[in-house]
């Protein structure tokens, strides 16, 4: 895949949604893809970790060999990336181009570290930090039934650290009630779309 010059994607409309584990990011994005007042394309992240049961390449993630990921990184094809628990995760610039070609906003569900990198390159991105109460986050993490206790505690500790960066985002939305949170984000996007066409 040829390198995509960042200048080509600089006028892309980008929505960044970050938040601690258990804050409901994926659920909200799925709802927004169906009901948002603007056209959205979900950015699919790339990773070197193996697929979990039920995950599909190109839908859940782009599952890349480590060598391919690192080659793309060296070629400047990644907007942001991080190594987490031994595996690479990142956003391919081609995902922004895919949204741009569809005349849509690119929705990036990424962590604080990645979000801050994207903000540096795309200061006009609509940045939203999603929060919920710690008991609610913990309940959601436990209800998944996919991780041992030590992993849940590590995620909760990471969540506390991420909350310290919430002020860096243009918007903070509390996901205490799903329909209300989806509506609040929809209103933010509608307002941004109106400003772009003013």
N, C-alpha and C. Protein backbone atom coordinates (compact mmCIF):
# COMPACT_ATOMS: atom_id res chain seq x y z
N UNK A 1 0.86 -1.19 0.00
CA UNK A 1 0.00 0.00 0.00
C UNK A 1 0.89 1.24 0.00
N UNK A 2 0.65 2.20 -0.89
CA UNK A 2 1.49 3.39 -0.93
C UNK A 2 1.28 4.26 0.30
N UNK A 3 2.33 4.99 0.65
CA UNK A 3 2.22 5.90 1.78
C UNK A 3 1.22 7.00 1.46
N UNK A 4 0.41 7.36 2.45
CA UNK A 4 -0.55 8.45 2.29
C UNK A 4 0.02 9.67 2.98
N UNK A 5 0.24 10.69 2.24
CA UNK A 5 0.78 11.93 2.79
C UNK A 5 -0.21 12.51 3.78
N UNK A 6 0.28 12.93 4.95
CA UNK A 6 -0.62 13.47 5.97
C UNK A 6 -1.35 14.71 5.46
N UNK A 7 -0.76 15.42 4.47
CA UNK A 7 -1.42 16.60 3.92
C UNK A 7 -2.72 16.20 3.22
N UNK A 8 -2.74 14.99 2.64
CA UNK A 8 -3.92 14.53 1.94
C UNK A 8 -5.06 14.25 2.90
N UNK A 9 -4.73 13.88 4.13
CA UNK A 9 -5.76 13.53 5.10
C UNK A 9 -5.98 14.64 6.12
N UNK A 10 -5.30 15.77 5.92
CA UNK A 10 -5.36 16.82 6.94
C UNK A 10 -6.73 17.48 7.01
N UNK A 11 -7.47 17.46 5.91
CA UNK A 11 -8.80 18.06 5.94
C UNK A 11 -9.89 17.04 6.24
N UNK A 12 -9.49 15.84 6.68
CA UNK A 12 -10.48 14.83 7.05
C UNK A 12 -11.22 15.26 8.31
N UNK A 13 -12.48 14.89 8.36
CA UNK A 13 -13.27 15.14 9.57
C UNK A 13 -13.09 13.94 10.50
N UNK A 14 -12.61 14.22 11.69
CA UNK A 14 -12.25 13.15 12.62
C UNK A 14 -12.98 13.32 13.94
N UNK A 15 -13.53 12.22 14.44
CA UNK A 15 -14.09 12.17 15.78
C UNK A 15 -13.27 11.16 16.58
N UNK A 16 -12.74 11.59 17.70
CA UNK A 16 -11.99 10.69 18.58
C UNK A 16 -12.84 10.42 19.82
N UNK A 17 -13.04 9.15 20.11
CA UNK A 17 -13.75 8.76 21.33
C UNK A 17 -12.80 7.94 22.19
N UNK A 18 -12.50 8.47 23.36
CA UNK A 18 -11.65 7.75 24.31
C UNK A 18 -12.40 7.59 25.62
N UNK A 19 -11.88 6.72 26.45
CA UNK A 19 -12.47 6.52 27.76
C UNK A 19 -11.95 5.25 28.37
N UNK A 20 -12.06 5.12 29.67
CA UNK A 20 -11.55 3.94 30.35
C UNK A 20 -12.27 2.66 29.91
N UNK A 21 -11.64 1.53 30.15
CA UNK A 21 -12.30 0.24 29.92
C UNK A 21 -13.59 0.20 30.73
N UNK A 22 -14.65 -0.27 30.09
CA UNK A 22 -15.92 -0.37 30.78
C UNK A 22 -16.76 0.88 30.71
N UNK A 23 -16.30 1.91 29.98
CA UNK A 23 -17.08 3.14 29.88
C UNK A 23 -18.15 3.07 28.79
N UNK A 24 -18.10 2.01 27.97
CA UNK A 24 -19.15 1.81 26.98
C UNK A 24 -18.86 2.37 25.59
N UNK A 25 -17.57 2.55 25.27
CA UNK A 25 -17.20 3.17 23.99
C UNK A 25 -17.74 2.39 22.79
N UNK A 26 -17.52 1.09 22.77
CA UNK A 26 -17.93 0.29 21.60
C UNK A 26 -19.44 0.30 21.42
N UNK A 27 -20.16 0.20 22.52
CA UNK A 27 -21.62 0.21 22.45
C UNK A 27 -22.11 1.53 21.88
N UNK A 28 -21.54 2.62 22.35
CA UNK A 28 -21.95 3.95 21.88
C UNK A 28 -21.61 4.13 20.41
N UNK A 29 -20.42 3.70 19.98
CA UNK A 29 -20.06 3.85 18.57
C UNK A 29 -21.02 3.06 17.69
N UNK A 30 -21.36 1.84 18.10
CA UNK A 30 -22.30 1.05 17.30
C UNK A 30 -23.65 1.74 17.18
N UNK A 31 -24.09 2.38 18.24
CA UNK A 31 -25.35 3.12 18.20
C UNK A 31 -25.23 4.34 17.29
N UNK A 32 -24.10 5.04 17.37
CA UNK A 32 -23.89 6.23 16.55
C UNK A 32 -23.84 5.88 15.07
N UNK A 33 -23.23 4.75 14.74
CA UNK A 33 -23.15 4.34 13.33
C UNK A 33 -24.54 4.15 12.74
N UNK A 34 -25.50 3.76 13.58
CA UNK A 34 -26.87 3.55 13.12
C UNK A 34 -27.69 4.84 13.13
N UNK A 35 -27.43 5.72 14.12
CA UNK A 35 -28.39 6.80 14.37
C UNK A 35 -27.83 8.22 14.37
N UNK A 36 -26.54 8.39 14.14
CA UNK A 36 -25.97 9.74 14.20
C UNK A 36 -26.53 10.63 13.09
N UNK A 37 -26.60 11.93 13.35
CA UNK A 37 -27.14 12.86 12.34
C UNK A 37 -26.14 13.17 11.22
N UNK A 38 -24.93 12.66 11.33
CA UNK A 38 -23.91 12.85 10.29
C UNK A 38 -23.43 11.47 9.85
N UNK A 39 -22.84 11.40 8.66
CA UNK A 39 -22.34 10.12 8.15
C UNK A 39 -21.03 9.79 8.84
N UNK A 40 -20.94 8.58 9.37
CA UNK A 40 -19.75 8.14 10.11
C UNK A 40 -19.19 6.87 9.49
N UNK A 41 -17.87 6.76 9.51
CA UNK A 41 -17.18 5.53 9.14
C UNK A 41 -16.27 5.16 10.31
N UNK A 42 -16.45 3.96 10.83
CA UNK A 42 -15.62 3.53 11.96
C UNK A 42 -14.23 3.16 11.47
N UNK A 43 -13.23 3.80 12.05
CA UNK A 43 -11.84 3.47 11.74
C UNK A 43 -11.51 2.11 12.35
N UNK A 44 -11.00 1.20 11.54
CA UNK A 44 -10.61 -0.12 12.02
C UNK A 44 -9.12 -0.08 12.37
N UNK A 45 -8.80 -0.40 13.61
CA UNK A 45 -7.41 -0.37 14.05
C UNK A 45 -6.65 -1.59 13.54
N UNK A 46 -5.33 -1.43 13.44
CA UNK A 46 -4.45 -2.54 13.09
C UNK A 46 -3.79 -3.06 14.36
N UNK A 47 -3.54 -4.35 14.40
CA UNK A 47 -2.87 -4.94 15.56
C UNK A 47 -2.06 -6.16 15.15
N UNK A 48 -1.07 -6.46 15.98
CA UNK A 48 -0.27 -7.67 15.74
C UNK A 48 -0.71 -8.82 16.65
N UNK A 49 -1.70 -8.58 17.51
CA UNK A 49 -2.16 -9.67 18.37
C UNK A 49 -3.02 -10.63 17.54
N UNK A 50 -3.08 -11.89 17.93
CA UNK A 50 -3.91 -12.84 17.19
C UNK A 50 -5.39 -12.56 17.40
N UNK A 51 -6.23 -12.92 16.43
CA UNK A 51 -7.68 -12.71 16.58
C UNK A 51 -8.24 -13.55 17.73
N UNK A 52 -9.21 -12.97 18.43
CA UNK A 52 -9.94 -13.72 19.43
C UNK A 52 -11.11 -14.43 18.72
N UNK A 53 -11.69 -15.38 19.40
CA UNK A 53 -12.82 -16.13 18.84
C UNK A 53 -13.92 -15.16 18.42
N UNK A 54 -14.35 -15.29 17.17
CA UNK A 54 -15.44 -14.46 16.67
C UNK A 54 -15.00 -13.16 16.01
N UNK A 55 -13.72 -12.81 16.13
CA UNK A 55 -13.24 -11.58 15.50
C UNK A 55 -12.93 -11.81 14.02
N UNK A 56 -13.19 -10.78 13.22
CA UNK A 56 -13.02 -10.87 11.77
C UNK A 56 -12.00 -9.85 11.30
N UNK A 57 -11.05 -10.30 10.47
CA UNK A 57 -10.06 -9.39 9.91
C UNK A 57 -10.74 -8.37 9.02
N UNK A 58 -10.39 -7.09 9.21
CA UNK A 58 -10.97 -6.03 8.40
C UNK A 58 -12.25 -5.46 8.96
N UNK A 59 -12.79 -6.13 9.97
CA UNK A 59 -14.01 -5.66 10.61
C UNK A 59 -13.72 -5.26 12.05
N UNK A 60 -13.21 -6.21 12.82
CA UNK A 60 -12.84 -5.91 14.21
C UNK A 60 -11.47 -5.22 14.26
N UNK A 61 -10.52 -5.78 13.55
CA UNK A 61 -9.16 -5.22 13.43
C UNK A 61 -8.61 -5.65 12.09
N UNK A 62 -7.51 -4.99 11.69
CA UNK A 62 -6.65 -5.53 10.64
C UNK A 62 -5.56 -6.30 11.38
N UNK A 63 -5.57 -7.61 11.25
CA UNK A 63 -4.60 -8.44 11.96
C UNK A 63 -3.35 -8.58 11.08
N UNK A 64 -2.28 -7.95 11.50
CA UNK A 64 -1.04 -7.90 10.72
C UNK A 64 0.07 -8.67 11.43
N UNK A 65 0.95 -9.26 10.63
CA UNK A 65 2.17 -9.84 11.19
C UNK A 65 3.03 -8.70 11.72
N UNK A 66 3.83 -8.97 12.74
CA UNK A 66 4.67 -7.93 13.34
C UNK A 66 5.56 -7.27 12.30
N UNK A 67 6.13 -8.06 11.39
CA UNK A 67 7.02 -7.52 10.36
C UNK A 67 6.28 -6.53 9.46
N UNK A 68 5.05 -6.89 9.08
CA UNK A 68 4.27 -5.99 8.22
C UNK A 68 3.90 -4.70 8.95
N UNK A 69 3.49 -4.83 10.21
CA UNK A 69 3.14 -3.64 10.99
C UNK A 69 4.33 -2.70 11.09
N UNK A 70 5.49 -3.25 11.43
CA UNK A 70 6.68 -2.42 11.61
C UNK A 70 7.15 -1.82 10.29
N UNK A 71 6.94 -2.51 9.17
CA UNK A 71 7.26 -1.95 7.86
C UNK A 71 6.35 -0.76 7.56
N UNK A 72 5.06 -0.92 7.85
CA UNK A 72 4.12 0.18 7.62
C UNK A 72 4.44 1.36 8.53
N UNK A 73 4.84 1.08 9.74
CA UNK A 73 5.23 2.14 10.66
C UNK A 73 6.43 2.90 10.11
N UNK A 74 7.43 2.16 9.64
CA UNK A 74 8.64 2.78 9.08
C UNK A 74 8.32 3.59 7.82
N UNK A 75 7.30 3.18 7.07
CA UNK A 75 6.91 3.88 5.85
C UNK A 75 6.00 5.08 6.11
N UNK A 76 5.69 5.34 7.38
CA UNK A 76 4.86 6.50 7.71
C UNK A 76 3.39 6.30 7.45
N UNK A 77 2.94 5.04 7.44
CA UNK A 77 1.54 4.76 7.12
C UNK A 77 0.61 4.80 8.33
N UNK A 78 1.18 5.01 9.54
CA UNK A 78 0.36 5.00 10.74
C UNK A 78 0.19 6.40 11.31
N UNK A 79 -1.03 6.72 11.67
CA UNK A 79 -1.35 8.00 12.28
C UNK A 79 -0.89 8.02 13.72
N UNK A 80 -1.07 6.91 14.41
CA UNK A 80 -0.62 6.76 15.79
C UNK A 80 -0.49 5.27 16.05
N UNK A 81 0.35 4.92 17.03
CA UNK A 81 0.47 3.52 17.41
C UNK A 81 1.09 3.41 18.80
N UNK A 82 0.91 2.26 19.40
CA UNK A 82 1.49 1.99 20.71
C UNK A 82 1.69 0.49 20.84
N UNK A 83 2.66 0.12 21.65
CA UNK A 83 2.89 -1.30 21.95
C UNK A 83 2.28 -1.57 23.31
N UNK A 84 1.32 -2.48 23.35
CA UNK A 84 0.58 -2.76 24.58
C UNK A 84 0.63 -4.26 24.86
N UNK A 85 1.17 -4.61 26.05
CA UNK A 85 1.25 -6.02 26.46
C UNK A 85 1.90 -6.90 25.38
N UNK A 86 2.93 -6.35 24.73
CA UNK A 86 3.70 -7.13 23.76
C UNK A 86 3.20 -7.09 22.33
N UNK A 87 2.08 -6.42 22.09
CA UNK A 87 1.54 -6.34 20.73
C UNK A 87 1.41 -4.89 20.29
N UNK A 88 1.55 -4.67 18.98
CA UNK A 88 1.34 -3.35 18.41
C UNK A 88 -0.15 -3.11 18.14
N UNK A 89 -0.57 -1.87 18.37
CA UNK A 89 -1.91 -1.41 17.99
C UNK A 89 -1.72 -0.05 17.33
N UNK A 90 -2.52 0.25 16.30
CA UNK A 90 -2.38 1.56 15.68
C UNK A 90 -3.48 1.86 14.69
N UNK A 91 -3.51 3.13 14.25
CA UNK A 91 -4.48 3.61 13.26
C UNK A 91 -3.77 3.86 11.95
N UNK A 92 -4.20 3.19 10.91
CA UNK A 92 -3.62 3.40 9.58
C UNK A 92 -4.18 4.69 8.98
N UNK A 93 -3.32 5.48 8.37
CA UNK A 93 -3.77 6.71 7.71
C UNK A 93 -4.78 6.42 6.61
N UNK A 94 -4.69 5.23 6.04
CA UNK A 94 -5.63 4.85 4.98
C UNK A 94 -7.07 4.79 5.50
N UNK A 95 -7.25 4.63 6.82
CA UNK A 95 -8.60 4.64 7.38
C UNK A 95 -9.23 6.03 7.30
N UNK A 96 -8.40 7.07 7.47
CA UNK A 96 -8.90 8.43 7.31
C UNK A 96 -9.29 8.67 5.86
N UNK A 97 -8.46 8.16 4.95
CA UNK A 97 -8.75 8.32 3.53
C UNK A 97 -10.04 7.59 3.15
N UNK A 98 -10.25 6.43 3.75
CA UNK A 98 -11.47 5.66 3.48
C UNK A 98 -12.71 6.46 3.87
N UNK A 99 -12.66 7.12 5.03
CA UNK A 99 -13.78 7.95 5.48
C UNK A 99 -13.94 9.16 4.57
N UNK A 100 -12.82 9.76 4.20
CA UNK A 100 -12.87 10.94 3.33
C UNK A 100 -13.49 10.60 1.99
N UNK A 101 -13.12 9.44 1.44
CA UNK A 101 -13.67 9.01 0.15
C UNK A 101 -15.18 8.79 0.24
N UNK A 102 -15.66 8.44 1.44
CA UNK A 102 -17.10 8.21 1.65
C UNK A 102 -17.81 9.49 2.05
N UNK A 103 -17.08 10.62 2.05
CA UNK A 103 -17.62 11.90 2.49
C UNK A 103 -18.24 11.78 3.89
N UNK A 104 -17.47 11.14 4.78
CA UNK A 104 -17.95 10.86 6.13
C UNK A 104 -16.91 11.28 7.16
N UNK A 105 -17.35 11.34 8.40
CA UNK A 105 -16.43 11.53 9.53
C UNK A 105 -15.78 10.19 9.86
N UNK A 106 -14.49 10.21 10.14
CA UNK A 106 -13.80 9.01 10.62
C UNK A 106 -13.92 8.97 12.14
N UNK A 107 -14.42 7.86 12.67
CA UNK A 107 -14.57 7.70 14.11
C UNK A 107 -13.44 6.82 14.62
N UNK A 108 -12.60 7.38 15.49
CA UNK A 108 -11.47 6.65 16.05
C UNK A 108 -11.75 6.34 17.52
N UNK A 109 -11.80 5.07 17.84
CA UNK A 109 -11.90 4.64 19.24
C UNK A 109 -10.50 4.27 19.69
N UNK A 110 -9.82 5.21 20.34
CA UNK A 110 -8.41 5.01 20.70
C UNK A 110 -8.15 5.48 22.12
N UNK A 111 -7.03 5.02 22.68
CA UNK A 111 -6.71 5.39 24.05
C UNK A 111 -6.16 6.81 24.11
N UNK A 112 -5.95 7.29 25.33
CA UNK A 112 -5.51 8.67 25.53
C UNK A 112 -4.17 8.92 24.84
N UNK A 113 -3.24 8.00 24.98
CA UNK A 113 -1.92 8.16 24.38
C UNK A 113 -2.03 8.39 22.87
N UNK A 114 -2.82 7.55 22.19
CA UNK A 114 -3.00 7.70 20.75
C UNK A 114 -3.77 8.95 20.39
N UNK A 115 -4.77 9.27 21.22
CA UNK A 115 -5.59 10.46 20.95
C UNK A 115 -4.74 11.73 20.98
N UNK A 116 -3.85 11.83 21.94
CA UNK A 116 -3.02 13.03 22.05
C UNK A 116 -2.12 13.19 20.83
N UNK A 117 -1.66 12.07 20.27
CA UNK A 117 -0.84 12.14 19.05
C UNK A 117 -1.67 12.63 17.87
N UNK A 118 -2.90 12.14 17.76
CA UNK A 118 -3.77 12.57 16.66
C UNK A 118 -4.13 14.04 16.81
N UNK A 119 -4.38 14.48 18.04
CA UNK A 119 -4.71 15.89 18.29
C UNK A 119 -3.58 16.80 17.82
N UNK A 120 -2.34 16.36 18.01
CA UNK A 120 -1.20 17.18 17.59
C UNK A 120 -1.22 17.41 16.09
N UNK A 121 -1.56 16.35 15.34
CA UNK A 121 -1.54 16.45 13.87
C UNK A 121 -2.84 16.99 13.30
N UNK A 122 -3.93 16.77 14.04
CA UNK A 122 -5.27 17.19 13.58
C UNK A 122 -5.96 17.96 14.69
N UNK A 123 -5.54 19.19 14.93
CA UNK A 123 -6.08 19.96 16.06
C UNK A 123 -7.58 20.27 15.94
N UNK A 124 -8.15 20.12 14.76
CA UNK A 124 -9.59 20.38 14.59
C UNK A 124 -10.45 19.14 14.83
N UNK A 125 -9.82 18.03 15.19
CA UNK A 125 -10.59 16.82 15.47
C UNK A 125 -11.57 17.07 16.61
N UNK A 126 -12.74 16.45 16.51
CA UNK A 126 -13.72 16.52 17.59
C UNK A 126 -13.35 15.44 18.60
N UNK A 127 -12.93 15.86 19.78
CA UNK A 127 -12.43 14.91 20.77
C UNK A 127 -13.42 14.79 21.92
N UNK A 128 -13.78 13.56 22.23
CA UNK A 128 -14.79 13.28 23.25
C UNK A 128 -14.23 12.24 24.22
N UNK A 129 -14.25 12.59 25.49
CA UNK A 129 -13.82 11.66 26.53
C UNK A 129 -15.06 11.14 27.24
N UNK A 130 -15.22 9.82 27.21
CA UNK A 130 -16.40 9.18 27.78
C UNK A 130 -16.07 8.68 29.19
N UNK A 131 -16.91 9.04 30.13
CA UNK A 131 -16.68 8.59 31.51
C UNK A 131 -17.93 7.89 32.04
N UNK A 132 -17.72 7.18 33.11
CA UNK A 132 -18.82 6.59 33.87
C UNK A 132 -18.29 6.41 35.28
N UNK A 133 -19.14 6.09 36.20
CA UNK A 133 -18.68 5.91 37.58
C UNK A 133 -17.82 4.65 37.67
N UNK A 134 -16.86 4.64 38.60
CA UNK A 134 -15.98 3.48 38.72
C UNK A 134 -16.77 2.20 39.03
N UNK A 135 -17.77 2.24 39.93
CA UNK A 135 -18.55 1.02 40.15
C UNK A 135 -19.21 0.49 38.89
N UNK A 136 -19.70 1.42 38.04
CA UNK A 136 -20.35 1.01 36.80
C UNK A 136 -19.33 0.40 35.84
N UNK A 137 -18.14 1.04 35.74
CA UNK A 137 -17.08 0.49 34.88
C UNK A 137 -16.68 -0.91 35.35
N UNK A 138 -16.51 -1.04 36.65
CA UNK A 138 -16.10 -2.34 37.20
C UNK A 138 -17.16 -3.40 36.93
N UNK A 139 -18.42 -3.02 37.08
CA UNK A 139 -19.51 -3.97 36.82
C UNK A 139 -19.50 -4.42 35.36
N UNK A 140 -19.28 -3.47 34.43
CA UNK A 140 -19.25 -3.83 33.01
C UNK A 140 -18.08 -4.76 32.70
N UNK A 141 -16.91 -4.45 33.31
CA UNK A 141 -15.74 -5.30 33.08
C UNK A 141 -15.98 -6.72 33.59
N UNK A 142 -16.58 -6.81 34.77
CA UNK A 142 -16.83 -8.14 35.34
C UNK A 142 -17.90 -8.90 34.56
N UNK A 143 -18.88 -8.18 34.03
CA UNK A 143 -19.98 -8.85 33.32
C UNK A 143 -19.50 -9.46 32.00
N UNK A 144 -18.38 -8.97 31.48
CA UNK A 144 -17.83 -9.57 30.26
C UNK A 144 -17.39 -11.00 30.50
N UNK A 145 -16.86 -11.26 31.70
CA UNK A 145 -16.40 -12.59 32.05
C UNK A 145 -15.22 -13.08 31.23
N UNK A 146 -14.42 -12.14 30.73
CA UNK A 146 -13.32 -12.53 29.84
C UNK A 146 -11.94 -12.38 30.46
N UNK A 147 -11.85 -11.78 31.66
CA UNK A 147 -10.53 -11.50 32.22
C UNK A 147 -10.43 -11.89 33.68
N UNK A 148 -9.24 -12.32 34.12
CA UNK A 148 -9.05 -12.67 35.53
C UNK A 148 -9.02 -11.41 36.40
N UNK A 149 -9.09 -11.61 37.71
CA UNK A 149 -9.18 -10.50 38.65
C UNK A 149 -8.02 -9.51 38.53
N UNK A 150 -6.80 -10.02 38.38
CA UNK A 150 -5.64 -9.12 38.32
C UNK A 150 -5.71 -8.22 37.08
N UNK A 151 -6.27 -8.75 35.98
CA UNK A 151 -6.39 -7.94 34.76
C UNK A 151 -7.46 -6.86 34.94
N UNK A 152 -8.54 -7.20 35.63
CA UNK A 152 -9.59 -6.20 35.90
C UNK A 152 -9.03 -5.08 36.77
N UNK A 153 -8.26 -5.44 37.80
CA UNK A 153 -7.69 -4.42 38.68
C UNK A 153 -6.71 -3.52 37.92
N UNK A 154 -5.95 -4.13 36.99
CA UNK A 154 -5.01 -3.35 36.19
C UNK A 154 -5.76 -2.36 35.29
N UNK A 155 -6.87 -2.81 34.70
CA UNK A 155 -7.68 -1.93 33.85
C UNK A 155 -8.28 -0.79 34.66
N UNK A 156 -8.72 -1.07 35.88
CA UNK A 156 -9.30 -0.03 36.73
C UNK A 156 -8.23 1.00 37.11
N UNK A 157 -7.02 0.53 37.36
CA UNK A 157 -5.93 1.46 37.68
C UNK A 157 -5.58 2.32 36.47
N UNK A 158 -5.56 1.71 35.29
CA UNK A 158 -5.32 2.46 34.05
C UNK A 158 -6.40 3.50 33.85
N UNK A 159 -7.64 3.12 34.16
CA UNK A 159 -8.77 4.04 34.00
C UNK A 159 -8.58 5.28 34.87
N UNK A 160 -8.11 5.09 36.10
CA UNK A 160 -7.89 6.23 36.99
C UNK A 160 -6.83 7.16 36.41
N UNK A 161 -5.80 6.58 35.79
CA UNK A 161 -4.75 7.40 35.17
C UNK A 161 -5.30 8.15 33.96
N UNK A 162 -6.12 7.47 33.15
CA UNK A 162 -6.66 8.11 31.94
C UNK A 162 -7.57 9.28 32.29
N UNK A 163 -8.30 9.16 33.39
CA UNK A 163 -9.21 10.24 33.79
C UNK A 163 -8.46 11.55 34.02
N UNK A 164 -7.18 11.46 34.36
CA UNK A 164 -6.37 12.67 34.59
C UNK A 164 -6.17 13.46 33.30
N UNK A 165 -6.36 12.81 32.15
CA UNK A 165 -6.17 13.49 30.86
C UNK A 165 -7.49 13.93 30.22
N UNK A 166 -8.60 13.73 30.91
CA UNK A 166 -9.90 14.04 30.33
C UNK A 166 -10.00 15.52 29.94
N UNK A 167 -9.31 16.39 30.68
CA UNK A 167 -9.40 17.83 30.40
C UNK A 167 -8.79 18.20 29.06
N UNK A 168 -8.00 17.31 28.47
CA UNK A 168 -7.37 17.59 27.17
C UNK A 168 -8.37 17.48 26.02
N UNK A 169 -9.53 16.91 26.28
CA UNK A 169 -10.54 16.69 25.26
C UNK A 169 -11.51 17.87 25.22
N UNK A 170 -12.03 18.15 24.03
CA UNK A 170 -12.96 19.28 23.87
C UNK A 170 -14.29 19.02 24.54
N UNK A 171 -14.69 17.76 24.63
CA UNK A 171 -15.98 17.41 25.22
C UNK A 171 -15.79 16.24 26.18
N UNK A 172 -16.55 16.26 27.27
CA UNK A 172 -16.61 15.13 28.18
C UNK A 172 -18.08 14.72 28.32
N UNK A 173 -18.33 13.44 28.10
CA UNK A 173 -19.69 12.92 28.15
C UNK A 173 -19.76 11.81 29.19
N UNK A 174 -20.72 11.90 30.08
CA UNK A 174 -20.91 10.88 31.11
C UNK A 174 -21.90 9.84 30.60
N UNK A 175 -21.46 8.59 30.54
CA UNK A 175 -22.32 7.52 30.07
C UNK A 175 -23.00 6.85 31.26
N UNK A 176 -23.88 7.58 31.91
CA UNK A 176 -24.65 7.00 33.00
C UNK A 176 -25.98 6.44 32.50
N UNK A 177 -26.37 6.88 31.30
CA UNK A 177 -27.61 6.39 30.68
C UNK A 177 -27.36 6.42 29.18
N UNK A 178 -27.42 5.25 28.55
CA UNK A 178 -26.95 5.08 27.17
C UNK A 178 -27.65 6.00 26.18
N UNK A 179 -28.97 6.04 26.19
CA UNK A 179 -29.69 6.86 25.21
C UNK A 179 -29.32 8.33 25.33
N UNK A 180 -29.18 8.81 26.58
CA UNK A 180 -28.85 10.22 26.78
C UNK A 180 -27.44 10.52 26.28
N UNK A 181 -26.48 9.60 26.55
CA UNK A 181 -25.10 9.80 26.12
C UNK A 181 -25.00 9.81 24.59
N UNK A 182 -25.71 8.90 23.94
CA UNK A 182 -25.72 8.85 22.47
C UNK A 182 -26.30 10.14 21.91
N UNK A 183 -27.38 10.63 22.51
CA UNK A 183 -27.99 11.87 22.05
C UNK A 183 -27.05 13.05 22.23
N UNK A 184 -26.34 13.10 23.37
CA UNK A 184 -25.42 14.20 23.62
C UNK A 184 -24.30 14.23 22.57
N UNK A 185 -23.76 13.06 22.24
CA UNK A 185 -22.71 13.00 21.22
C UNK A 185 -23.28 13.34 19.85
N UNK A 186 -24.49 12.89 19.56
CA UNK A 186 -25.14 13.23 18.29
C UNK A 186 -25.30 14.74 18.16
N UNK A 187 -25.67 15.39 19.26
CA UNK A 187 -25.83 16.85 19.24
C UNK A 187 -24.49 17.54 18.98
N UNK A 188 -23.42 17.02 19.58
CA UNK A 188 -22.08 17.58 19.35
C UNK A 188 -21.72 17.48 17.87
N UNK A 189 -21.95 16.31 17.27
CA UNK A 189 -21.59 16.10 15.87
C UNK A 189 -22.45 16.95 14.94
N UNK A 190 -23.71 17.06 15.26
CA UNK A 190 -24.62 17.89 14.46
C UNK A 190 -24.16 19.35 14.47
N UNK A 191 -23.76 19.82 15.65
CA UNK A 191 -23.27 21.19 15.78
C UNK A 191 -22.00 21.41 14.98
N UNK A 192 -21.09 20.44 15.01
CA UNK A 192 -19.84 20.54 14.26
C UNK A 192 -20.10 20.55 12.76
N UNK A 193 -21.03 19.72 12.31
CA UNK A 193 -21.36 19.65 10.88
C UNK A 193 -21.95 20.99 10.43
N UNK A 194 -22.79 21.58 11.26
CA UNK A 194 -23.39 22.88 10.94
C UNK A 194 -22.32 23.95 10.81
N UNK A 195 -21.34 23.92 11.74
CA UNK A 195 -20.24 24.90 11.69
C UNK A 195 -19.43 24.76 10.41
N UNK A 196 -19.20 23.52 9.99
CA UNK A 196 -18.39 23.28 8.78
C UNK A 196 -19.07 23.85 7.54
N UNK A 197 -20.41 23.84 7.53
CA UNK A 197 -21.14 24.29 6.35
C UNK A 197 -21.67 25.70 6.48
N UNK A 198 -21.28 26.38 7.56
CA UNK A 198 -21.75 27.75 7.78
C UNK A 198 -21.08 28.70 6.80
